Amino acid sequence: MEYEEKCDFCMSQLVIIKYREILKILEENSNVIILKIPIEKVKSEEERRKEEEEIKNCLIFKKLKPFFLESRLCREHGTIIKRKKSKKGYYMTDNWYFYKYDRNVRKILQEYPTIYSMADWIDIYFISENKIILKTIAHEEICYGTAKLFRSLKTQ
């Protein structure tokens, strides 16, 4: 893949194969992917727009742009928050970006050796019928998934 040819993250072939197996399972069992960006606080509306623009210029966002559905400011589990100033007068940025998840998106994700190598600040949720079936915490390189779906994947 394009990204793997440019960067060797010292991943064993087994890790890359298992990662692709996970993406395939997710393609078969989910229809939405969410890129969750930690809430950033800025001092003005202009800075908020600049922050969002920088996020949208990230390579993974550019590649996924054709599959974009919507963005929302949310708390954990998708509770929507209205955009407003906090007590300190800051604005909060949008932090959940929804994309359709299908074979084409899977191919984009497969360009990276692992789900964490696209950005260490993007948490990813894979959704099926409004239920999270796999979730990552990127900065800790932790992944939580439905045991029923991923039981067949065992390390060697």
C-alpha atoms as a PDB file:
ATOM      1  CA  MET A   1       0.000   0.000   0.000  1.00  0.00           C
ATOM      2  CA  GLU A   2       0.992   3.594  -0.567  1.00  0.00           C
ATOM      3  CA  TYR A   3       1.613   4.544   3.078  1.00  0.00           C
ATOM      4  CA  GLU A   4       3.344   1.290   3.998  1.00  0.00           C
ATOM      5  CA  GLU A   5       5.842   1.768   1.171  1.00  0.00           C
ATOM      6  CA  LYS A   6       6.751   5.231   2.498  1.00  0.00           C
ATOM      7  CA  CYS A   7       7.029   4.242   6.175  1.00  0.00           C
ATOM      8  CA  ASP A   8       8.079   1.004   7.755  1.00  0.00           C
ATOM      9  CA  PHE A   9       6.717   1.119  11.296  1.00  0.00           C
ATOM     10  CA  CYS A  10       8.642  -2.069  12.155  1.00  0.00           C
ATOM     11  CA  MET A  11       5.375  -3.967  12.089  1.00  0.00           C
ATOM     12  CA  SER A  12       5.586  -7.681  11.583  1.00  0.00           C
ATOM     13  CA  GLN A  13       3.650  -9.050   8.664  1.00  0.00           C
ATOM     14  CA  LEU A  14       1.398 -10.886  11.142  1.00  0.00           C
ATOM     15  CA  VAL A  15       0.331  -7.590  12.771  1.00  0.00           C
ATOM     16  CA  ILE A  16      -0.539  -6.101   9.372  1.00  0.00           C
ATOM     17  CA  ILE A  17      -2.478  -9.232   8.351  1.00  0.00           C
ATOM     18  CA  LYS A  18      -4.459  -9.249  11.635  1.00  0.00           C
ATOM     19  CA  TYR A  19      -5.189  -5.531  11.243  1.00  0.00           C
ATOM     20  CA  ARG A  20      -6.594  -6.151   7.762  1.00  0.00           C
ATOM     21  CA  GLU A  21      -8.682  -9.038   9.098  1.00  0.00           C
ATOM     22  CA  ILE A  22     -10.133  -6.704  11.736  1.00  0.00           C
ATOM     23  CA  LEU A  23     -10.987  -4.082   9.093  1.00  0.00           C
ATOM     24  CA  LYS A  24     -12.706  -6.772   7.005  1.00  0.00           C
ATOM     25  CA  ILE A  25     -14.772  -7.954   9.995  1.00  0.00           C
ATOM     26  CA  LEU A  26     -15.718  -4.340  10.682  1.00  0.00           C
ATOM     27  CA  GLU A  27     -16.744  -3.798   7.062  1.00  0.00           C
ATOM     28  CA  GLU A  28     -19.109  -6.745   7.318  1.00  0.00           C
ATOM     29  CA  ASN A  29     -20.562  -5.659  10.671  1.00  0.00           C
ATOM     30  CA  SER A  30     -20.623  -1.849  10.764  1.00  0.00           C
ATOM     31  CA  ASN A  31     -21.812   0.935   8.521  1.00  0.00           C
ATOM     32  CA  VAL A  32     -20.470   4.105  10.170  1.00  0.00           C
ATOM     33  CA  ILE A  33     -17.021   5.146  11.326  1.00  0.00           C
ATOM     34  CA  ILE A  34     -16.522   8.071  13.687  1.00  0.00           C
ATOM     35  CA  LEU A  35     -13.269   9.983  13.996  1.00  0.00           C
ATOM     36  CA  LYS A  36     -13.398  11.412  17.502  1.00  0.00           C
ATOM     37  CA  ILE A  37     -11.197  14.430  18.134  1.00  0.00           C
ATOM     38  CA  PRO A  38     -10.533  15.518  21.722  1.00  0.00           C
ATOM     39  CA  ILE A  39     -12.251  18.800  22.555  1.00  0.00           C
ATOM     40  CA  GLU A  40      -9.965  21.766  21.992  1.00  0.00           C
ATOM     41  CA  LYS A  41     -10.604  25.057  23.704  1.00  0.00           C
ATOM     42  CA  VAL A  42      -9.758  28.275  21.896  1.00  0.00           C
ATOM     43  CA  LYS A  43     -10.105  31.956  22.761  1.00  0.00           C
ATOM     44  CA  SER A  44     -12.202  33.199  19.848  1.00  0.00           C
ATOM     45  CA  GLU A  45     -14.535  32.127  17.075  1.00  0.00           C
ATOM     46  CA  GLU A  46     -11.736  32.831  14.573  1.00  0.00           C
ATOM     47  CA  GLU A  47      -9.372  30.472  16.414  1.00  0.00           C
ATOM     48  CA  ARG A  48     -12.123  27.841  16.540  1.00  0.00           C
ATOM     49  CA  ARG A  49     -12.551  28.004  12.758  1.00  0.00           C
ATOM     50  CA  LYS A  50      -8.761  27.823  12.291  1.00  0.00           C
ATOM     51  CA  GLU A  51      -8.533  24.771  14.584  1.00  0.00           C
ATOM     52  CA  GLU A  52     -11.314  22.983  12.671  1.00  0.00           C
ATOM     53  CA  GLU A  53      -9.661  23.839   9.366  1.00  0.00           C
ATOM     54  CA  GLU A  54      -6.355  22.347  10.543  1.00  0.00           C
ATOM     55  CA  ILE A  55      -8.142  19.158  11.577  1.00  0.00           C
ATOM     56  CA  LYS A  56      -9.884  18.906   8.211  1.00  0.00           C
ATOM     57  CA  ASN A  57      -6.526  19.355   6.430  1.00  0.00           C
ATOM     58  CA  CYS A  58      -5.103  16.265   8.137  1.00  0.00           C
ATOM     59  CA  LEU A  59      -4.330  13.586   5.502  1.00  0.00           C
ATOM     60  CA  ILE A  60      -6.836  11.027   6.825  1.00  0.00           C
ATOM     61  CA  PHE A  61      -9.635  13.615   6.732  1.00  0.00           C
ATOM     62  CA  LYS A  62      -8.771  14.518   3.142  1.00  0.00           C
ATOM     63  CA  LYS A  63      -8.836  10.871   2.080  1.00  0.00           C
ATOM     64  CA  LEU A  64     -12.173  10.243   3.801  1.00  0.00           C
ATOM     65  CA  LYS A  65     -13.842  13.447   2.559  1.00  0.00           C
ATOM     66  CA  PRO A  66     -16.003  11.697  -0.109  1.00  0.00           C
ATOM     67  CA  PHE A  67     -17.536   9.519   2.637  1.00  0.00           C
ATOM     68  CA  PHE A  68     -18.319  12.328   5.110  1.00  0.00           C
ATOM     69  CA  LEU A  69     -21.814  12.271   6.668  1.00  0.00           C
ATOM     70  CA  GLU A  70     -21.825  14.929   9.430  1.00  0.00           C
ATOM     71  CA  SER A  71     -19.963  16.410  12.382  1.00  0.00           C
ATOM     72  CA  ARG A  72     -21.259  16.935  15.912  1.00  0.00           C
ATOM     73  CA  LEU A  73     -20.057  18.221  19.231  1.00  0.00           C
ATOM     74  CA  CYS A  74     -20.704  15.233  21.515  1.00  0.00           C
ATOM     75  CA  ARG A  75     -19.972  13.739  24.892  1.00  0.00           C
ATOM     76  CA  GLU A  76     -19.200  10.055  25.389  1.00  0.00           C
ATOM     77  CA  HIS A  77     -21.766   7.727  23.755  1.00  0.00           C
ATOM     78  CA  GLY A  78     -22.925  10.436  21.328  1.00  0.00           C
ATOM     79  CA  THR A  79     -24.832  12.798  23.627  1.00  0.00           C
ATOM     80  CA  ILE A  80     -25.042  16.013  21.609  1.00  0.00           C
ATOM     81  CA  ILE A  81     -23.785  19.249  23.186  1.00  0.00           C
ATOM     82  CA  LYS A  82     -24.798  22.696  21.972  1.00  0.00           C
ATOM     83  CA  ARG A  83     -21.942  24.959  20.931  1.00  0.00           C
ATOM     84  CA  LYS A  84     -21.482  27.646  23.573  1.00  0.00           C
ATOM     85  CA  LYS A  85     -18.947  29.582  25.565  1.00  0.00           C
ATOM     86  CA  SER A  86     -17.676  28.013  28.750  1.00  0.00           C
ATOM     87  CA  LYS A  87     -17.271  29.900  32.033  1.00  0.00           C
ATOM     88  CA  LYS A  88     -13.862  31.118  30.867  1.00  0.00           C
ATOM     89  CA  GLY A  89     -15.320  32.473  27.622  1.00  0.00           C
ATOM     90  CA  TYR A  90     -13.868  29.825  25.314  1.00  0.00           C
ATOM     91  CA  TYR A  91     -15.586  28.136  22.393  1.00  0.00           C
ATOM     92  CA  MET A  92     -15.454  24.362  22.028  1.00  0.00           C
ATOM     93  CA  THR A  93     -14.791  22.742  18.653  1.00  0.00           C
ATOM     94  CA  ASP A  94     -16.726  19.918  17.011  1.00  0.00           C
ATOM     95  CA  ASN A  95     -15.219  16.627  17.948  1.00  0.00           C
ATOM     96  CA  TRP A  96     -17.149  13.770  16.279  1.00  0.00           C
ATOM     97  CA  TYR A  97     -16.862  13.339  12.498  1.00  0.00           C
ATOM     98  CA  PHE A  98     -19.158  10.688  10.990  1.00  0.00           C
ATOM     99  CA  TYR A  99     -18.277   8.796   7.801  1.00  0.00           C
ATOM    100  CA  LYS A 100     -19.903   5.987   5.888  1.00  0.00           C
ATOM    101  CA  TYR A 101     -17.898   2.769   6.376  1.00  0.00           C
ATOM    102  CA  ASP A 102     -17.670   0.468   3.405  1.00  0.00           C
ATOM    103  CA  ARG A 103     -15.117  -1.306   1.228  1.00  0.00           C
ATOM    104  CA  ASN A 104     -13.673   1.963  -0.114  1.00  0.00           C
ATOM    105  CA  VAL A 105     -13.081   3.346   3.382  1.00  0.00           C
ATOM    106  CA  ARG A 106     -11.550   0.027   4.440  1.00  0.00           C
ATOM    107  CA  LYS A 107      -9.063   0.343   1.571  1.00  0.00           C
ATOM    108  CA  ILE A 108      -8.067   3.810   2.817  1.00  0.00           C
ATOM    109  CA  LEU A 109      -7.546   2.529   6.365  1.00  0.00           C
ATOM    110  CA  GLN A 110      -5.501  -0.403   5.045  1.00  0.00           C
ATOM    111  CA  GLU A 111      -2.964   2.066   3.661  1.00  0.00           C
ATOM    112  CA  TYR A 112      -1.769   2.440   7.252  1.00  0.00           C
ATOM    113  CA  PRO A 113       0.025  -0.434   9.008  1.00  0.00           C
ATOM    114  CA  THR A 114      -2.180  -0.033  12.106  1.00  0.00           C
ATOM    115  CA  ILE A 115      -5.234   1.953  13.101  1.00  0.00           C
ATOM    116  CA  TYR A 116      -3.033   4.084  15.379  1.00  0.00           C
ATOM    117  CA  SER A 117      -0.505   5.106  12.737  1.00  0.00           C
ATOM    118  CA  MET A 118      -2.849   7.526  10.930  1.00  0.00           C
ATOM    119  CA  ALA A 119      -2.776   9.958  13.883  1.00  0.00           C
ATOM    120  CA  ASP A 120      -2.079   9.477  17.571  1.00  0.00           C
ATOM    121  CA  TRP A 121      -4.797  11.968  18.539  1.00  0.00           C
ATOM    122  CA  ILE A 122      -7.789  10.492  16.687  1.00  0.00           C
ATOM    123  CA  ASP A 123      -9.993   7.978  18.506  1.00  0.00           C
ATOM    124  CA  ILE A 124     -12.042   5.842  16.139  1.00  0.00           C
ATOM    125  CA  TYR A 125     -15.448   4.257  16.683  1.00  0.00           C
ATOM    126  CA  PHE A 126     -17.037   1.709  14.365  1.00  0.00           C
ATOM    127  CA  ILE A 127     -20.827   1.771  14.676  1.00  0.00           C
ATOM    128  CA  SER A 128     -23.588  -0.656  13.757  1.00  0.00           C
ATOM    129  CA  GLU A 129     -27.221   0.277  14.358  1.00  0.00           C
ATOM    130  CA  ASN A 130     -26.183   3.036  16.809  1.00  0.00           C
ATOM    131  CA  LYS A 131     -24.057   0.626  18.879  1.00  0.00           C
ATOM    132  CA  ILE A 132     -20.276   0.861  19.172  1.00  0.00           C
ATOM    133  CA  ILE A 133     -18.740  -2.443  18.057  1.00  0.00           C
ATOM    134  CA  LEU A 134     -15.114  -1.312  18.171  1.00  0.00           C
ATOM    135  CA  LYS A 135     -13.523   1.732  19.786  1.00  0.00           C
ATOM    136  CA  THR A 136      -9.931   2.917  20.060  1.00  0.00           C
ATOM    137  CA  ILE A 137      -8.102   5.202  22.447  1.00  0.00           C
ATOM    138  CA  ALA A 138      -5.337   6.329  20.113  1.00  0.00           C
ATOM    139  CA  HIS A 139      -2.875   7.968  22.490  1.00  0.00           C
ATOM    140  CA  GLU A 140      -2.808   4.795  24.621  1.00  0.00           C
ATOM    141  CA  GLU A 141      -3.007   2.416  21.637  1.00  0.00           C
ATOM    142  CA  ILE A 142      -5.944   0.607  23.220  1.00  0.00           C
ATOM    143  CA  CYS A 143      -8.746  -1.048  21.304  1.00  0.00           C
ATOM    144  CA  TYR A 144     -12.078  -2.318  22.683  1.00  0.00           C
ATOM    145  CA  GLY A 145     -14.204  -4.581  20.532  1.00  0.00           C
ATOM    146  CA  THR A 146     -17.179  -6.899  20.684  1.00  0.00           C
ATOM    147  CA  ALA A 147     -15.758 -10.258  21.777  1.00  0.00           C
ATOM    148  CA  LYS A 148     -18.338 -12.104  19.697  1.00  0.00           C
ATOM    149  CA  LEU A 149     -16.991 -10.557  16.471  1.00  0.00           C
ATOM    150  CA  PHE A 150     -13.290 -10.774  17.201  1.00  0.00           C
ATOM    151  CA  ARG A 151     -13.025 -14.096  19.055  1.00  0.00           C
ATOM    152  CA  SER A 152     -11.548 -15.789  15.976  1.00  0.00           C
ATOM    153  CA  LEU A 153      -8.516 -13.460  15.968  1.00  0.00           C
ATOM    154  CA  LYS A 154      -5.837 -14.978  18.182  1.00  0.00           C
ATOM    155  CA  THR A 155      -2.224 -13.944  18.467  1.00  0.00           C
ATOM    156  CA  GLN A 156       0.435 -16.465  17.638  1.00  0.00           C
END
